[in-house]
PDB file of N, CA and C in Angstrom:
ATOM      1  N   UNK A   1     -18.350 -45.887 -32.678  1.00  0.00           N
ATOM      2  CA  UNK A   1     -17.330 -44.662 -32.637  1.00  0.00           C
ATOM      3  C   UNK A   1     -17.914 -43.391 -32.572  1.00  0.00           C
ATOM      4  N   UNK A   2     -17.321 -42.656 -31.478  1.00  0.00           N
ATOM      5  CA  UNK A   2     -17.831 -41.189 -31.322  1.00  0.00           C
ATOM      6  C   UNK A   2     -17.540 -40.088 -32.466  1.00  0.00           C
ATOM      7  N   UNK A   3     -18.484 -39.637 -32.649  1.00  0.00           N
ATOM      8  CA  UNK A   3     -18.462 -38.575 -33.865  1.00  0.00           C
ATOM      9  C   UNK A   3     -18.501 -37.057 -32.903  1.00  0.00           C
ATOM     10  N   UNK A   4     -17.708 -36.184 -33.623  1.00  0.00           N
ATOM     11  CA  UNK A   4     -17.327 -34.993 -33.084  1.00  0.00           C
ATOM     12  C   UNK A   4     -17.735 -33.551 -33.943  1.00  0.00           C
ATOM     13  N   UNK A   5     -18.239 -32.527 -33.292  1.00  0.00           N
ATOM     14  CA  UNK A   5     -18.407 -31.549 -34.087  1.00  0.00           C
ATOM     15  C   UNK A   5     -17.307 -30.433 -33.309  1.00  0.00           C
ATOM     16  N   UNK A   6     -17.132 -29.255 -34.148  1.00  0.00           N
ATOM     17  CA  UNK A   6     -16.262 -28.257 -33.730  1.00  0.00           C
ATOM     18  C   UNK A   6     -17.082 -26.973 -33.603  1.00  0.00           C
ATOM     19  N   UNK A   7     -16.511 -26.672 -32.336  1.00  0.00           N
ATOM     20  CA  UNK A   7     -17.337 -25.127 -32.061  1.00  0.00           C
ATOM     21  C   UNK A   7     -16.007 -24.085 -31.695  1.00  0.00           C
ATOM     22  N   UNK A   8     -16.429 -22.987 -32.239  1.00  0.00           N
ATOM     23  CA  UNK A   8     -15.288 -21.938 -32.172  1.00  0.00           C
ATOM     24  C   UNK A   8     -15.784 -20.954 -30.923  1.00  0.00           C
ATOM     25  N   UNK A   9     -14.816 -20.933 -30.013  1.00  0.00           N
ATOM     26  CA  UNK A   9     -15.180 -20.046 -28.818  1.00  0.00           C
ATOM     27  C   UNK A   9     -14.430 -18.596 -28.827  1.00  0.00           C
ATOM     28  N   UNK A  10     -14.791 -17.710 -28.435  1.00  0.00           N
ATOM     29  CA  UNK A  10     -14.351 -15.977 -28.520  1.00  0.00           C
ATOM     30  C   UNK A  10     -14.134 -15.688 -27.239  1.00  0.00           C
ATOM     31  N   UNK A  11     -12.781 -15.316 -26.640  1.00  0.00           N
ATOM     32  CA  UNK A  11     -12.371 -14.978 -25.624  1.00  0.00           C
ATOM     33  C   UNK A  11     -11.757 -13.680 -25.610  1.00  0.00           C
ATOM     34  N   UNK A  12     -12.132 -12.836 -24.618  1.00  0.00           N
ATOM     35  CA  UNK A  12     -11.522 -11.505 -24.788  1.00  0.00           C
ATOM     36  C   UNK A  12     -10.112 -11.141 -24.037  1.00  0.00           C
ATOM     37  N   UNK A  13      -9.456 -10.242 -24.544  1.00  0.00           N
ATOM     38  CA  UNK A  13      -7.910 -10.469 -24.036  1.00  0.00           C
ATOM     39  C   UNK A  13      -8.048  -9.133 -23.186  1.00  0.00           C
ATOM     40  N   UNK A  14      -7.160  -9.068 -21.976  1.00  0.00           N
ATOM     41  CA  UNK A  14      -6.995  -7.945 -21.213  1.00  0.00           C
ATOM     42  C   UNK A  14      -5.903  -7.507 -21.295  1.00  0.00           C
ATOM     43  N   UNK A  15      -5.424  -6.452 -21.165  1.00  0.00           N
ATOM     44  CA  UNK A  15      -4.089  -5.806 -21.163  1.00  0.00           C
ATOM     45  C   UNK A  15      -4.019  -5.196 -19.862  1.00  0.00           C
ATOM     46  N   UNK A  16      -2.533  -5.697 -19.192  1.00  0.00           N
ATOM     47  CA  UNK A  16      -2.396  -5.123 -18.121  1.00  0.00           C
ATOM     48  C   UNK A  16      -1.035  -4.480 -18.075  1.00  0.00           C
ATOM     49  N   UNK A  17      -0.911  -3.215 -17.973  1.00  0.00           N
ATOM     50  CA  UNK A  17       0.187  -2.444 -17.862  1.00  0.00           C
ATOM     51  C   UNK A  17       0.844  -2.180 -16.494  1.00  0.00           C
ATOM     52  N   UNK A  18       2.071  -2.756 -16.254  1.00  0.00           N
ATOM     53  CA  UNK A  18       2.788  -2.929 -14.923  1.00  0.00           C
ATOM     54  C   UNK A  18       3.883  -1.936 -15.226  1.00  0.00           C
ATOM     55  N   UNK A  19       4.179  -1.226 -14.036  1.00  0.00           N
ATOM     56  CA  UNK A  19       5.239  -0.400 -13.893  1.00  0.00           C
ATOM     57  C   UNK A  19       6.304  -1.283 -12.783  1.00  0.00           C
ATOM     58  N   UNK A  20       7.660  -1.209 -13.567  1.00  0.00           N
ATOM     59  CA  UNK A  20       8.886  -1.933 -12.938  1.00  0.00           C
ATOM     60  C   UNK A  20      10.080  -1.026 -12.446  1.00  0.00           C
ATOM     61  N   UNK A  21      10.303  -0.802 -11.244  1.00  0.00           N
ATOM     62  CA  UNK A  21      11.270   0.053 -10.714  1.00  0.00           C
ATOM     63  C   UNK A  21      12.567  -0.825 -11.072  1.00  0.00           C
ATOM     64  N   UNK A  22      13.539  -0.122 -11.987  1.00  0.00           N
ATOM     65  CA  UNK A  22      14.638  -0.899 -12.396  1.00  0.00           C
ATOM     66  C   UNK A  22      15.988  -0.592 -11.405  1.00  0.00           C
ATOM     67  N   UNK A  23      15.741   0.451 -10.586  1.00  0.00           N
ATOM     68  CA  UNK A  23      16.821   0.790  -9.406  1.00  0.00           C
ATOM     69  C   UNK A  23      16.481   0.128  -8.242  1.00  0.00           C
ATOM     70  N   UNK A  24      15.479  -0.333  -8.113  1.00  0.00           N
ATOM     71  CA  UNK A  24      15.006  -1.177  -6.754  1.00  0.00           C
ATOM     72  C   UNK A  24      14.501  -2.578  -7.056  1.00  0.00           C
ATOM     73  N   UNK A  25      15.041  -3.575  -7.171  1.00  0.00           N
ATOM     74  CA  UNK A  25      14.753  -5.049  -7.428  1.00  0.00           C
ATOM     75  C   UNK A  25      13.633  -5.543  -6.477  1.00  0.00           C
ATOM     76  N   UNK A  26      13.895  -5.063  -5.233  1.00  0.00           N
ATOM     77  CA  UNK A  26      12.684  -5.605  -4.161  1.00  0.00           C
ATOM     78  C   UNK A  26      11.635  -4.937  -4.001  1.00  0.00           C
ATOM     79  N   UNK A  27      11.408  -3.837  -4.862  1.00  0.00           N
ATOM     80  CA  UNK A  27      10.083  -3.026  -5.016  1.00  0.00           C
ATOM     81  C   UNK A  27       9.275  -3.879  -6.050  1.00  0.00           C
ATOM     82  N   UNK A  28       8.075  -4.205  -5.290  1.00  0.00           N
ATOM     83  CA  UNK A  28       7.127  -4.857  -6.166  1.00  0.00           C
ATOM     84  C   UNK A  28       6.440  -4.066  -7.293  1.00  0.00           C
ATOM     85  N   UNK A  29       6.240  -4.759  -8.570  1.00  0.00           N
ATOM     86  CA  UNK A  29       5.589  -4.481  -9.447  1.00  0.00           C
ATOM     87  C   UNK A  29       4.317  -3.771  -9.275  1.00  0.00           C
ATOM     88  N   UNK A  30       3.687  -2.777  -9.908  1.00  0.00           N
ATOM     89  CA  UNK A  30       2.481  -2.441  -9.470  1.00  0.00           C
ATOM     90  C   UNK A  30       1.892  -1.787 -10.819  1.00  0.00           C
ATOM     91  N   UNK A  31       0.430  -1.866 -11.090  1.00  0.00           N
ATOM     92  CA  UNK A  31      -0.159  -1.329 -12.246  1.00  0.00           C
ATOM     93  C   UNK A  31       0.215   0.156 -12.525  1.00  0.00           C
ATOM     94  N   UNK A  32      -0.133   0.260 -13.626  1.00  0.00           N
ATOM     95  CA  UNK A  32       0.244   2.056 -13.951  1.00  0.00           C
ATOM     96  C   UNK A  32      -0.908   2.875 -13.390  1.00  0.00           C
ATOM     97  N   UNK A  33      -2.006   2.284 -13.069  1.00  0.00           N
ATOM     98  CA  UNK A  33      -3.090   2.951 -12.391  1.00  0.00           C
ATOM     99  C   UNK A  33      -2.683   3.150 -11.006  1.00  0.00           C
ATOM    100  N   UNK A  34      -2.170   2.204 -10.389  1.00  0.00           N
ATOM    101  CA  UNK A  34      -1.926   2.169  -8.933  1.00  0.00           C
ATOM    102  C   UNK A  34      -0.829   3.254  -8.743  1.00  0.00           C
ATOM    103  N   UNK A  35       0.392   3.193  -9.896  1.00  0.00           N
ATOM    104  CA  UNK A  35       1.656   4.127  -9.444  1.00  0.00           C
ATOM    105  C   UNK A  35       0.976   5.402  -9.770  1.00  0.00           C
ATOM    106  N   UNK A  36       0.182   5.686 -10.425  1.00  0.00           N
ATOM    107  CA  UNK A  36      -0.450   7.238 -10.743  1.00  0.00           C
ATOM    108  C   UNK A  36      -0.980   7.535  -9.521  1.00  0.00           C
ATOM    109  N   UNK A  37      -1.999   6.644  -8.993  1.00  0.00           N
ATOM    110  CA  UNK A  37      -2.648   7.165  -7.819  1.00  0.00           C
ATOM    111  C   UNK A  37      -1.884   7.372  -6.757  1.00  0.00           C
ATOM    112  N   UNK A  38      -0.735   6.359  -6.431  1.00  0.00           N
ATOM    113  CA  UNK A  38       0.183   6.608  -5.086  1.00  0.00           C
ATOM    114  C   UNK A  38       0.947   7.759  -5.408  1.00  0.00           C
ATOM    115  N   UNK A  39       1.831   8.054  -6.437  1.00  0.00           N
ATOM    116  CA  UNK A  39       2.930   8.959  -6.644  1.00  0.00           C
ATOM    117  C   UNK A  39       2.483  10.455  -7.482  1.00  0.00           C
ATOM    118  N   UNK A  40       0.993  10.317  -7.942  1.00  0.00           N
ATOM    119  CA  UNK A  40       0.624  11.428  -8.599  1.00  0.00           C
ATOM    120  C   UNK A  40       1.347  11.890  -9.746  1.00  0.00           C
ATOM    121  N   UNK A  41       1.932  11.183 -10.433  1.00  0.00           N
ATOM    122  CA  UNK A  41       2.711  11.270 -11.639  1.00  0.00           C
ATOM    123  C   UNK A  41       2.807  10.276 -12.469  1.00  0.00           C
ATOM    124  N   UNK A  42       3.321  10.258 -13.622  1.00  0.00           N
ATOM    125  CA  UNK A  42       3.527   9.263 -14.615  1.00  0.00           C
ATOM    126  C   UNK A  42       5.247   8.579 -14.419  1.00  0.00           C
ATOM    127  N   UNK A  43       5.424   7.239 -14.625  1.00  0.00           N
ATOM    128  CA  UNK A  43       6.432   6.739 -14.196  1.00  0.00           C
ATOM    129  C   UNK A  43       7.581   7.214 -15.455  1.00  0.00           C
ATOM    130  N   UNK A  44       8.695   7.919 -14.782  1.00  0.00           N
ATOM    131  CA  UNK A  44       9.620   8.419 -15.876  1.00  0.00           C
ATOM    132  C   UNK A  44      11.007   7.357 -16.029  1.00  0.00           C
ATOM    133  N   UNK A  45      11.310   7.356 -17.379  1.00  0.00           N
ATOM    134  CA  UNK A  45      12.564   6.321 -17.664  1.00  0.00           C
ATOM    135  C   UNK A  45      13.810   7.182 -17.073  1.00  0.00           C
ATOM    136  N   UNK A  46      14.827   6.775 -16.844  1.00  0.00           N
ATOM    137  CA  UNK A  46      15.203   5.433 -16.876  1.00  0.00           C
ATOM    138  C   UNK A  46      14.953   4.441 -15.729  1.00  0.00           C
ATOM    139  N   UNK A  47      14.449   5.192 -14.756  1.00  0.00           N
ATOM    140  CA  UNK A  47      14.137   4.373 -13.381  1.00  0.00           C
ATOM    141  C   UNK A  47      12.845   3.352 -13.345  1.00  0.00           C
ATOM    142  N   UNK A  48      12.009   3.900 -14.234  1.00  0.00           N
ATOM    143  CA  UNK A  48      10.742   3.213 -14.447  1.00  0.00           C
ATOM    144  C   UNK A  48      10.551   2.669 -15.542  1.00  0.00           C
ATOM    145  N   UNK A  49      10.350   1.322 -15.831  1.00  0.00           N
ATOM    146  CA  UNK A  49       9.751   0.724 -17.194  1.00  0.00           C
ATOM    147  C   UNK A  49       8.320   0.230 -17.114  1.00  0.00           C
ATOM    148  N   UNK A  50       7.605   0.493 -18.101  1.00  0.00           N
ATOM    149  CA  UNK A  50       6.199   0.146 -18.274  1.00  0.00           C
ATOM    150  C   UNK A  50       6.000  -1.089 -19.188  1.00  0.00           C
ATOM    151  N   UNK A  51       5.673  -2.196 -18.569  1.00  0.00           N
ATOM    152  CA  UNK A  51       5.446  -3.413 -19.430  1.00  0.00           C
ATOM    153  C   UNK A  51       4.007  -3.706 -19.556  1.00  0.00           C
ATOM    154  N   UNK A  52       3.796  -4.139 -20.897  1.00  0.00           N
ATOM    155  CA  UNK A  52       2.435  -4.465 -21.046  1.00  0.00           C
ATOM    156  C   UNK A  52       2.091  -5.911 -21.051  1.00  0.00           C
ATOM    157  N   UNK A  53       1.270  -6.573 -20.531  1.00  0.00           N
ATOM    158  CA  UNK A  53       0.899  -8.105 -20.479  1.00  0.00           C
ATOM    159  C   UNK A  53      -0.694  -8.158 -21.007  1.00  0.00           C
ATOM    160  N   UNK A  54      -0.501  -8.833 -22.081  1.00  0.00           N
ATOM    161  CA  UNK A  54      -1.877  -9.272 -22.458  1.00  0.00           C
ATOM    162  C   UNK A  54      -2.334 -10.811 -21.877  1.00  0.00           C
ATOM    163  N   UNK A  55      -3.380 -10.772 -21.456  1.00  0.00           N
ATOM    164  CA  UNK A  55      -3.923 -12.053 -20.678  1.00  0.00           C
ATOM    165  C   UNK A  55      -5.197 -12.512 -21.085  1.00  0.00           C
ATOM    166  N   UNK A  56      -5.395 -13.545 -20.683  1.00  0.00           N
ATOM    167  CA  UNK A  56      -7.066 -14.135 -20.951  1.00  0.00           C
ATOM    168  C   UNK A  56      -7.208 -15.402 -20.381  1.00  0.00           C
ATOM    169  N   UNK A  57      -8.519 -15.740 -20.150  1.00  0.00           N
ATOM    170  CA  UNK A  57      -8.938 -17.226 -19.557  1.00  0.00           C
ATOM    171  C   UNK A  57      -9.022 -18.032 -20.410  1.00  0.00           C
ATOM    172  N   UNK A  58      -8.267 -19.086 -20.427  1.00  0.00           N
ATOM    173  CA  UNK A  58      -8.159 -20.081 -21.185  1.00  0.00           C
ATOM    174  C   UNK A  58      -9.510 -20.884 -21.437  1.00  0.00           C
ATOM    175  N   UNK A  59     -10.142 -20.846 -22.406  1.00  0.00           N
ATOM    176  CA  UNK A  59     -11.672 -21.489 -22.725  1.00  0.00           C
ATOM    177  C   UNK A  59     -11.512 -22.934 -22.304  1.00  0.00           C
ATOM    178  N   UNK A  60     -10.679 -23.602 -22.352  1.00  0.00           N
ATOM    179  CA  UNK A  60     -10.374 -25.107 -22.215  1.00  0.00           C
ATOM    180  C   UNK A  60     -10.339 -25.422 -20.789  1.00  0.00           C
ATOM    181  N   UNK A  61      -9.650 -24.851 -19.873  1.00  0.00           N
ATOM    182  CA  UNK A  61      -9.391 -25.250 -18.334  1.00  0.00           C
ATOM    183  C   UNK A  61      -9.768 -24.097 -17.421  1.00  0.00           C
ATOM    184  N   UNK A  62     -10.109 -22.763 -18.004  1.00  0.00           N
ATOM    185  CA  UNK A  62     -10.645 -21.682 -17.003  1.00  0.00           C
ATOM    186  C   UNK A  62      -9.536 -21.092 -16.517  1.00  0.00           C
ATOM    187  N   UNK A  63      -8.299 -21.384 -16.778  1.00  0.00           N
ATOM    188  CA  UNK A  63      -6.663 -20.748 -16.219  1.00  0.00           C
ATOM    189  C   UNK A  63      -6.432 -19.844 -17.062  1.00  0.00           C
ATOM    190  N   UNK A  64      -5.814 -18.575 -16.212  1.00  0.00           N
ATOM    191  CA  UNK A  64      -5.271 -17.411 -16.933  1.00  0.00           C
ATOM    192  C   UNK A  64      -4.009 -17.779 -17.634  1.00  0.00           C
ATOM    193  N   UNK A  65      -3.804 -17.299 -18.822  1.00  0.00           N
ATOM    194  CA  UNK A  65      -2.853 -17.459 -19.489  1.00  0.00           C
ATOM    195  C   UNK A  65      -2.322 -16.088 -20.252  1.00  0.00           C
ATOM    196  N   UNK A  66      -1.047 -16.273 -20.589  1.00  0.00           N
ATOM    197  CA  UNK A  66      -0.690 -14.997 -21.453  1.00  0.00           C
ATOM    198  C   UNK A  66      -1.026 -15.314 -22.923  1.00  0.00           C
ATOM    199  N   UNK A  67      -1.143 -14.070 -23.559  1.00  0.00           N
ATOM    200  CA  UNK A  67      -1.446 -14.191 -24.845  1.00  0.00           C
ATOM    201  C   UNK A  67      -0.572 -15.163 -25.786  1.00  0.00           C
ATOM    202  N   UNK A  68       0.910 -14.937 -25.313  1.00  0.00           N
ATOM    203  CA  UNK A  68       1.863 -15.668 -26.174  1.00  0.00           C
ATOM    204  C   UNK A  68       1.651 -17.097 -25.853  1.00  0.00           C
ATOM    205  N   UNK A  69       1.492 -17.556 -24.586  1.00  0.00           N
ATOM    206  CA  UNK A  69       1.247 -18.948 -24.545  1.00  0.00           C
ATOM    207  C   UNK A  69      -0.041 -19.465 -25.403  1.00  0.00           C
ATOM    208  N   UNK A  70      -1.260 -18.943 -25.293  1.00  0.00           N
ATOM    209  CA  UNK A  70      -2.214 -19.031 -25.916  1.00  0.00           C
ATOM    210  C   UNK A  70      -2.137 -19.353 -27.244  1.00  0.00           C
ATOM    211  N   UNK A  71      -1.283 -18.705 -27.933  1.00  0.00           N
ATOM    212  CA  UNK A  71      -1.114 -18.729 -29.400  1.00  0.00           C
ATOM    213  C   UNK A  71      -0.273 -20.128 -29.907  1.00  0.00           C
ATOM    214  N   UNK A  72       0.532 -20.583 -28.894  1.00  0.00           N
ATOM    215  CA  UNK A  72       0.945 -21.860 -29.086  1.00  0.00           C
ATOM    216  C   UNK A  72       0.272 -23.002 -29.043  1.00  0.00           C
ATOM    217  N   UNK A  73      -0.986 -22.920 -28.547  1.00  0.00           N
ATOM    218  CA  UNK A  73      -1.737 -23.980 -28.425  1.00  0.00           C
ATOM    219  C   UNK A  73      -2.519 -24.623 -29.641  1.00  0.00           C
ATOM    220  N   UNK A  74      -2.662 -25.802 -29.838  1.00  0.00           N
ATOM    221  CA  UNK A  74      -3.164 -26.576 -31.235  1.00  0.00           C
ATOM    222  C   UNK A  74      -4.676 -25.986 -31.410  1.00  0.00           C
ATOM    223  N   UNK A  75      -5.257 -25.428 -30.396  1.00  0.00           N
ATOM    224  CA  UNK A  75      -6.593 -25.233 -30.606  1.00  0.00           C
ATOM    225  C   UNK A  75      -6.881 -23.546 -31.053  1.00  0.00           C
ATOM    226  N   UNK A  76      -5.627 -22.934 -31.163  1.00  0.00           N
ATOM    227  CA  UNK A  76      -5.622 -21.417 -31.168  1.00  0.00           C
ATOM    228  C   UNK A  76      -5.997 -21.098 -32.970  1.00  0.00           C
ATOM    229  N   UNK A  77      -6.838 -20.333 -33.345  1.00  0.00           N
ATOM    230  CA  UNK A  77      -7.281 -20.050 -34.444  1.00  0.00           C
ATOM    231  C   UNK A  77      -6.550 -18.863 -34.784  1.00  0.00           C
ATOM    232  N   UNK A  78      -7.021 -17.740 -34.231  1.00  0.00           N
ATOM    233  CA  UNK A  78      -6.516 -16.430 -34.772  1.00  0.00           C
ATOM    234  C   UNK A  78      -7.030 -15.312 -33.369  1.00  0.00           C
ATOM    235  N   UNK A  79      -5.911 -14.158 -33.334  1.00  0.00           N
ATOM    236  CA  UNK A  79      -6.278 -13.161 -32.712  1.00  0.00           C
ATOM    237  C   UNK A  79      -6.987 -12.026 -33.453  1.00  0.00           C
ATOM    238  N   UNK A  80      -8.089 -11.583 -33.192  1.00  0.00           N
ATOM    239  CA  UNK A  80      -8.581 -10.334 -33.902  1.00  0.00           C
ATOM    240  C   UNK A  80      -9.338  -9.252 -33.421  1.00  0.00           C
ATOM    241  N   UNK A  81      -9.088  -8.126 -33.347  1.00  0.00           N
ATOM    242  CA  UNK A  81      -9.691  -7.109 -32.432  1.00  0.00           C
ATOM    243  C   UNK A  81     -10.037  -7.133 -31.131  1.00  0.00           C
ATOM    244  N   UNK A  82      -9.139  -7.775 -30.498  1.00  0.00           N
ATOM    245  CA  UNK A  82      -8.758  -7.864 -28.914  1.00  0.00           C
ATOM    246  C   UNK A  82      -9.451  -9.013 -28.301  1.00  0.00           C
ATOM    247  N   UNK A  83      -9.796  -9.997 -29.158  1.00  0.00           N
ATOM    248  CA  UNK A  83     -10.231 -11.420 -28.936  1.00  0.00           C
ATOM    249  C   UNK A  83      -9.748 -12.569 -29.645  1.00  0.00           C
ATOM    250  N   UNK A  84      -9.567 -13.675 -28.798  1.00  0.00           N
ATOM    251  CA  UNK A  84      -8.820 -15.031 -29.223  1.00  0.00           C
ATOM    252  C   UNK A  84     -10.021 -15.780 -29.790  1.00  0.00           C
ATOM    253  N   UNK A  85      -9.793 -16.501 -30.733  1.00  0.00           N
ATOM    254  CA  UNK A  85     -10.777 -17.637 -31.327  1.00  0.00           C
ATOM    255  C   UNK A  85     -10.009 -19.076 -31.422  1.00  0.00           C
ATOM    256  N   UNK A  86     -10.694 -19.722 -30.774  1.00  0.00           N
ATOM    257  CA  UNK A  86     -10.146 -21.144 -30.510  1.00  0.00           C
ATOM    258  C   UNK A  86     -11.252 -22.262 -30.917  1.00  0.00           C
ATOM    259  N   UNK A  87     -10.790 -23.377 -31.444  1.00  0.00           N
ATOM    260  CA  UNK A  87     -11.583 -24.418 -31.789  1.00  0.00           C
ATOM    261  C   UNK A  87     -11.638 -25.561 -30.784  1.00  0.00           C
ATOM    262  N   UNK A  88     -12.697 -26.194 -30.643  1.00  0.00           N
ATOM    263  CA  UNK A  88     -13.018 -27.251 -29.518  1.00  0.00           C
ATOM    264  C   UNK A  88     -13.858 -28.370 -30.087  1.00  0.00           C
ATOM    265  N   UNK A  89     -13.412 -29.569 -29.977  1.00  0.00           N
ATOM    266  CA  UNK A  89     -14.332 -30.807 -30.160  1.00  0.00           C
ATOM    267  C   UNK A  89     -15.248 -31.025 -29.265  1.00  0.00           C
ATOM    268  N   UNK A  90     -16.593 -31.159 -29.962  1.00  0.00           N
ATOM    269  CA  UNK A  90     -17.724 -31.543 -28.812  1.00  0.00           C
ATOM    270  C   UNK A  90     -18.335 -32.804 -29.392  1.00  0.00           C
ATOM    271  N   UNK A  91     -18.357 -33.993 -28.499  1.00  0.00           N
ATOM    272  CA  UNK A  91     -18.560 -35.228 -28.802  1.00  0.00           C
ATOM    273  C   UNK A  91     -20.288 -35.246 -29.037  1.00  0.00           C
ATOM    274  N   UNK A  92     -20.494 -35.908 -30.120  1.00  0.00           N
ATOM    275  CA  UNK A  92     -21.895 -35.950 -30.426  1.00  0.00           C
ATOM    276  C   UNK A  92     -22.572 -36.886 -30.134  1.00  0.00           C
ATOM    277  N   UNK A  93     -23.950 -36.831 -29.411  1.00  0.00           N
ATOM    278  CA  UNK A  93     -24.519 -38.057 -28.796  1.00  0.00           C
ATOM    279  C   UNK A  93     -25.617 -38.573 -29.886  1.00  0.00           C
ATOM    280  N   UNK A  94     -25.554 -39.868 -29.936  1.00  0.00           N
ATOM    281  CA  UNK A  94     -26.649 -40.433 -30.901  1.00  0.00           C
ATOM    282  C   UNK A  94     -27.856 -40.555 -30.462  1.00  0.00           C
TER     283      UNK A  94
END
């Protein structure tokens, strides 16, 4: 029978702010920094909406995921100060 130990991993969360043009659905979204650099002004409502996405790299498979998706994982422990903590089982060798 294989015995397991549990390890806790800590992964930083990255916040990406996207600007969406509500009047032109074919215009691609761009980051807030790109918008300000291109237009030399902040996006103004009601035409533009700024959406924040919290993303991280899943420590299990190294794929990008949203924070909401990560929170539904059975390995998720908690979010604290911009970092996600997850538990992993590690097989012990005899």
